[in-house]
């Protein structure tokens, strides 16, 4: 059967895509940001996931104010790279896993989640920047991707509790898929940031690290944080972190952290990155977590 073997959380700051595309990742400003992903790049080479369920939000690229799905799952074979105003990013197109995606969609809908099914879609930096941060600049992405888009742009976004429960349902869906697949789930967006108004540029290091702490271990306290707390403590765009809760809910009762990275500033936000392993007694092989070429932190 398929199984979710790891969860990855990461900011998807568009400026990082620019730095990668134009070879600026080793400039003084960007070097400490990209350094925090070196461990993960080596680890991913060893993990060799077959499929990534990539939770992200669209930035008025595939969707606009005419259609605002709360949860949308891509069920196509391929996804093009959209033009966000300065041409498509020079990255490979994204190969989907339609069989797994359709299976997940069916399972989630029968599990009483109202999913929007997308059969044709171009993807923006919300999805491509995490791929670049984790895999660098390959000629072809090393695994297939199931996009899962979440509305965190227009009120009302889904609650943290609903996102966590969706992750639990995704876990059930994946584990009922008969093909033997190594599946990872990524939660992207965040961390604390506000792009407009008198609090533009807001960063809350203490709250961000509290949130990172809450993704590790057996606590589920993060699922109960109300929208107003995200707005007050992390700015108007901090609500993107509810997408990390879908990833966390899919990992089971308990997790352990393999890698953690937090850096300020990155554009006008904080950047956070976490690699988690399910640690719930279900027989996952926990060996080989630390790549030989990367010193454990």
Protein backbone atom coordinates (compact mmCIF):
# COMPACT_ATOMS: atom_id res chain seq x y z
CA UNK A 1 0.00 0.00 0.00
CA UNK A 2 1.01 3.64 -0.27
CA UNK A 3 2.18 5.38 2.89
CA UNK A 4 3.09 8.86 4.02
CA UNK A 5 6.68 8.62 5.21
CA UNK A 6 7.49 12.27 5.97
CA UNK A 7 6.14 15.78 6.19
CA UNK A 8 7.92 18.93 5.05
CA UNK A 9 6.94 22.49 5.93
CA UNK A 10 8.37 25.53 4.18
CA UNK A 11 7.69 29.14 3.38
CA UNK A 12 7.15 29.79 -0.34
CA UNK A 13 8.46 33.35 -0.60
CA UNK A 14 8.47 34.33 -4.32
CA UNK A 15 11.79 36.18 -3.97
CA UNK A 16 13.48 32.82 -3.35
CA UNK A 17 12.36 31.68 -6.77
CA UNK A 18 13.96 34.78 -8.27
CA UNK A 19 17.19 34.13 -6.34
CA UNK A 20 17.27 30.53 -7.55
CA UNK A 21 16.43 31.35 -11.17
CA UNK A 22 19.06 34.09 -11.46
CA UNK A 23 21.84 32.32 -9.53
CA UNK A 24 21.70 34.69 -6.55
CA UNK A 25 21.33 31.97 -3.90
CA UNK A 26 24.94 32.41 -2.70
CA UNK A 27 24.79 36.20 -2.44
CA UNK A 28 25.31 37.51 1.09
CA UNK A 29 21.61 38.17 1.62
CA UNK A 30 20.37 34.80 0.38
CA UNK A 31 23.18 32.48 1.50
CA UNK A 32 21.91 31.88 5.08
CA UNK A 33 18.39 31.26 3.78
CA UNK A 34 19.41 28.64 1.23
CA UNK A 35 21.92 27.08 3.65
CA UNK A 36 19.00 25.94 5.79
CA UNK A 37 17.79 23.75 2.91
CA UNK A 38 21.09 21.99 2.16
CA UNK A 39 20.33 19.29 4.73
CA UNK A 40 16.93 18.64 3.16
CA UNK A 41 18.29 18.44 -0.38
CA UNK A 42 20.71 15.67 0.65
CA UNK A 43 17.99 13.94 2.66
CA UNK A 44 15.56 14.00 -0.27
CA UNK A 45 18.18 12.36 -2.50
CA UNK A 46 18.22 9.46 -0.04
CA UNK A 47 14.46 9.37 0.54
CA UNK A 48 13.50 9.30 -3.15
CA UNK A 49 9.77 10.01 -2.71
CA UNK A 50 7.51 8.76 -5.49
CA UNK A 51 4.84 11.40 -4.93
CA UNK A 52 4.52 14.65 -3.02
CA UNK A 53 1.13 15.92 -1.93
CA UNK A 54 1.95 19.61 -2.02
CA UNK A 55 -0.37 21.86 -0.02
CA UNK A 56 -0.14 25.47 -1.16
CA UNK A 57 -2.24 28.51 -1.99
CA UNK A 58 -2.78 29.96 -5.42
CA UNK A 59 -2.01 33.67 -5.78
CA UNK A 60 -4.76 34.71 -8.23
CA UNK A 61 -3.11 32.65 -10.95
CA UNK A 62 -5.37 29.61 -11.45
CA UNK A 63 -8.26 31.09 -9.45
CA UNK A 64 -9.62 34.60 -9.09
CA UNK A 65 -12.58 36.27 -7.38
CA UNK A 66 -14.95 34.46 -9.75
CA UNK A 67 -14.13 31.07 -8.25
CA UNK A 68 -12.75 30.60 -4.73
CA UNK A 69 -12.57 26.93 -3.71
CA UNK A 70 -11.78 26.28 -0.06
CA UNK A 71 -9.96 23.04 -0.92
CA UNK A 72 -9.03 22.07 -4.50
CA UNK A 73 -7.11 18.97 -5.60
CA UNK A 74 -5.30 18.67 -8.91
CA UNK A 75 -6.08 15.41 -10.70
CA UNK A 76 -4.25 16.06 -13.98
CA UNK A 77 -1.24 14.32 -15.49
CA UNK A 78 0.71 17.56 -15.90
CA UNK A 79 0.69 21.17 -14.72
CA UNK A 80 2.23 24.06 -16.60
CA UNK A 81 4.06 26.99 -15.01
CA UNK A 82 1.96 30.14 -14.95
CA UNK A 83 2.98 33.67 -15.84
CA UNK A 84 2.69 35.81 -12.70
CA UNK A 85 3.43 39.03 -14.55
CA UNK A 86 7.07 38.65 -15.56
CA UNK A 87 6.94 35.41 -17.55
CA UNK A 88 6.76 31.79 -16.36
CA UNK A 89 9.57 30.67 -14.06
CA UNK A 90 12.27 28.73 -15.96
CA UNK A 91 11.56 25.51 -14.07
CA UNK A 92 10.32 22.12 -15.30
CA UNK A 93 6.61 21.55 -15.70
CA UNK A 94 5.09 19.54 -12.88
CA UNK A 95 4.15 15.92 -13.47
CA UNK A 96 1.04 14.79 -11.61
CA UNK A 97 -0.04 11.37 -10.35
CA UNK A 98 -3.61 11.26 -11.63
CA UNK A 99 -4.43 7.79 -10.27
CA UNK A 100 -3.45 8.68 -6.71
CA UNK A 101 -5.05 12.12 -6.96
CA UNK A 102 -8.39 10.74 -8.13
CA UNK A 103 -8.26 8.11 -5.39
CA UNK A 104 -7.62 10.79 -2.76
CA UNK A 105 -10.39 12.99 -4.18
CA UNK A 106 -12.89 10.14 -4.06
CA UNK A 107 -11.84 9.13 -0.57
CA UNK A 108 -12.03 12.70 0.77
CA UNK A 109 -15.45 13.36 -0.74
CA UNK A 110 -16.83 10.10 0.66
CA UNK A 111 -15.21 11.14 3.94
CA UNK A 112 -17.45 14.26 3.76
CA UNK A 113 -14.88 16.83 2.59
CA UNK A 114 -16.22 18.93 -0.28
CA UNK A 115 -13.27 19.00 -2.65
CA UNK A 116 -13.03 20.95 -5.88
CA UNK A 117 -11.48 18.75 -8.59
CA UNK A 118 -9.12 20.47 -11.01
CA UNK A 119 -8.31 18.73 -14.31
CA UNK A 120 -6.38 21.56 -15.94
CA UNK A 121 -4.29 24.14 -14.11
CA UNK A 122 -1.07 26.11 -14.26
CA UNK A 123 0.77 26.45 -10.95
CA UNK A 124 2.48 29.49 -9.47
CA UNK A 125 5.30 30.22 -7.01
CA UNK A 126 3.29 28.81 -4.11
CA UNK A 127 4.02 25.36 -5.51
CA UNK A 128 7.20 25.84 -7.54
CA UNK A 129 9.31 27.70 -4.96
CA UNK A 130 9.16 24.82 -2.41
CA UNK A 131 10.18 22.41 -5.19
CA UNK A 132 13.17 24.63 -6.01
CA UNK A 133 14.19 24.93 -2.37
CA UNK A 134 14.08 21.17 -1.81
CA UNK A 135 15.38 19.94 -5.19
CA UNK A 136 17.47 22.75 -6.64
CA UNK A 137 17.49 23.24 -10.42
CA UNK A 138 17.00 19.83 -12.04
CA UNK A 139 16.06 19.32 -15.70
CA UNK A 140 13.05 17.38 -14.42
CA UNK A 141 11.49 17.27 -10.95
CA UNK A 142 12.51 13.96 -9.34
CA UNK A 143 8.99 12.92 -8.31
CA UNK A 144 5.33 13.36 -9.14
CA UNK A 145 3.18 15.96 -7.41
CA UNK A 146 -0.46 16.09 -6.33
CA UNK A 147 -1.32 19.79 -5.86
CA UNK A 148 -3.74 20.64 -3.09
CA UNK A 149 -4.73 24.30 -3.12
CA UNK A 150 -6.25 25.99 -0.05
CA UNK A 151 -8.01 29.34 0.13
CA UNK A 152 -6.08 31.54 2.54
CA UNK A 153 -6.45 34.65 0.42
CA UNK A 154 -10.12 35.62 0.81
CA UNK A 155 -12.15 35.48 4.01
CA UNK A 156 -13.28 33.04 5.30
CA UNK A 157 -10.36 30.62 5.13
CA UNK A 158 -10.77 27.15 6.63
CA UNK A 159 -10.15 26.76 10.35
CA UNK A 160 -7.01 25.14 11.66
CA UNK A 161 -9.12 22.32 13.05
CA UNK A 162 -10.66 21.63 9.64
CA UNK A 163 -7.22 21.65 8.03
CA UNK A 164 -5.84 19.21 10.58
CA UNK A 165 -8.86 16.93 10.06
CA UNK A 166 -8.33 17.10 6.28
CA UNK A 167 -4.76 15.92 6.83
CA UNK A 168 -6.06 12.98 8.87
CA UNK A 169 -8.44 12.12 6.02
CA UNK A 170 -5.61 12.37 3.47
CA UNK A 171 -3.63 9.87 5.55
CA UNK A 172 -6.54 7.43 5.42
CA UNK A 173 -6.90 7.99 1.68
CA UNK A 174 -3.22 7.38 0.92
CA UNK A 175 -3.06 4.25 3.04
CA UNK A 176 -6.04 2.77 1.17
CA UNK A 177 -4.31 3.19 -2.21
CA UNK A 178 -3.11 -0.27 -3.31
CA UNK A 179 0.07 0.73 -5.14
CA UNK A 180 3.32 0.69 -3.14
CA UNK A 181 4.26 4.36 -3.06
CA UNK A 182 6.58 6.45 -0.90
CA UNK A 183 4.50 9.59 -0.37
CA UNK A 184 5.50 12.83 1.34
CA UNK A 185 3.15 15.64 2.24
CA UNK A 186 4.35 19.25 2.25
CA UNK A 187 2.68 22.22 3.90
CA UNK A 188 3.77 25.58 2.51
CA UNK A 189 3.30 29.30 3.10
CA UNK A 190 3.91 31.58 6.07
CA UNK A 191 5.42 32.38 8.41
CA UNK A 192 4.43 35.65 10.11
CA UNK A 193 4.11 38.48 7.61
CA UNK A 194 1.90 41.33 6.50
CA UNK A 195 2.12 42.89 3.05
CA UNK A 196 0.07 46.05 3.48
CA UNK A 197 -1.23 48.61 5.94
CA UNK A 198 0.43 50.13 9.03
CA UNK A 199 1.76 46.73 10.14
CA UNK A 200 3.41 45.92 6.79
CA UNK A 201 6.63 44.05 7.46
CA UNK A 202 5.42 42.56 10.77
CA UNK A 203 7.45 39.54 11.92
CA UNK A 204 6.79 37.73 15.20
CA UNK A 205 9.74 35.42 15.92
CA UNK A 206 8.40 34.21 19.26
CA UNK A 207 5.03 33.18 17.82
CA UNK A 208 6.60 31.58 14.75
CA UNK A 209 8.83 29.38 16.88
CA UNK A 210 5.94 28.48 19.17
CA UNK A 211 4.15 27.27 16.05
CA UNK A 212 7.17 25.23 14.92
CA UNK A 213 7.37 23.67 18.40
CA UNK A 214 3.70 22.71 18.22
CA UNK A 215 4.19 20.64 15.07
CA UNK A 216 6.59 18.32 16.89
CA UNK A 217 5.57 15.57 19.29
CA UNK A 218 2.07 14.49 20.23
CA UNK A 219 0.29 17.79 20.92
CA UNK A 220 -2.56 18.98 18.71
CA UNK A 221 -2.97 22.40 20.31
CA UNK A 222 -2.26 24.26 17.06
CA UNK A 223 -5.47 23.03 15.46
CA UNK A 224 -7.52 25.13 17.88
CA UNK A 225 -5.88 28.51 17.24
CA UNK A 226 -8.64 30.87 16.02
CA UNK A 227 -8.36 33.04 12.92
CA UNK A 228 -8.20 36.21 14.98
CA UNK A 229 -5.02 35.04 16.74
CA UNK A 230 -3.25 34.45 13.42
CA UNK A 231 -4.30 37.94 12.33
CA UNK A 232 -3.27 39.62 15.58
CA UNK A 233 0.02 37.80 16.15
CA UNK A 234 1.29 37.00 12.64
CA UNK A 235 -0.21 39.63 10.34
CA UNK A 236 -2.76 39.39 7.57
CA UNK A 237 -0.79 36.79 5.60
CA UNK A 238 0.17 34.62 8.59
CA UNK A 239 -3.03 32.63 8.08
CA UNK A 240 -1.09 30.67 5.44
CA UNK A 241 0.26 28.57 8.31
CA UNK A 242 -3.04 26.67 8.55
CA UNK A 243 -1.78 24.83 5.46
CA UNK A 244 1.03 23.40 7.57
CA UNK A 245 -1.66 21.83 9.76
CA UNK A 246 -2.89 19.71 6.84
CA UNK A 247 0.63 18.30 6.62
CA UNK A 248 0.78 17.73 10.38
CA UNK A 249 -2.62 16.04 10.56
CA UNK A 250 -1.50 13.58 7.87
CA UNK A 251 1.47 12.40 9.95
CA UNK A 252 -0.51 10.73 12.72
CA UNK A 253 -0.55 11.08 16.48
CA UNK A 254 3.10 11.84 17.03
CA UNK A 255 6.02 13.27 15.06
CA UNK A 256 9.69 13.83 15.54
CA UNK A 257 11.74 16.56 13.92
CA UNK A 258 14.63 15.66 11.63
CA UNK A 259 15.55 19.20 10.60
CA UNK A 260 14.55 22.76 11.51
CA UNK A 261 15.44 26.11 9.98
CA UNK A 262 14.25 29.62 10.81
CA UNK A 263 15.68 32.86 9.46
CA UNK A 264 14.83 36.56 9.42
CA UNK A 265 14.57 38.42 7.15
CA UNK A 266 13.52 36.89 3.87
CA UNK A 267 11.96 39.62 1.76
CA UNK A 268 9.41 41.07 4.20
CA UNK A 269 8.74 37.87 6.12
CA UNK A 270 10.33 35.21 8.26
CA UNK A 271 11.25 31.95 6.60
CA UNK A 272 10.54 28.69 8.38
CA UNK A 273 11.35 25.13 7.35
CA UNK A 274 10.76 21.84 9.14
CA UNK A 275 11.18 18.17 8.22
CA UNK A 276 9.10 15.72 10.24
CA UNK A 277 8.86 11.97 10.46
CA UNK A 278 5.75 10.10 11.67
CA UNK A 279 6.60 8.56 15.04
CA UNK A 280 3.45 6.72 15.99
CA UNK A 281 4.42 3.10 16.35
CA UNK A 282 3.07 2.05 12.95
CA UNK A 283 6.23 0.32 11.85
CA UNK A 284 7.88 3.04 9.80
CA UNK A 285 11.57 2.51 9.22
CA UNK A 286 13.31 5.28 11.11
CA UNK A 287 16.82 4.41 9.94
CA UNK A 288 18.82 6.56 7.59
CA UNK A 289 17.27 9.85 8.68
CA UNK A 290 20.52 11.82 8.65
CA UNK A 291 22.41 11.98 5.33
CA UNK A 292 26.08 11.07 5.78
CA UNK A 293 27.12 14.20 3.92
CA UNK A 294 25.31 16.54 6.29
CA UNK A 295 26.20 16.99 9.94
CA UNK A 296 23.26 16.58 12.32
CA UNK A 297 22.19 19.83 13.94
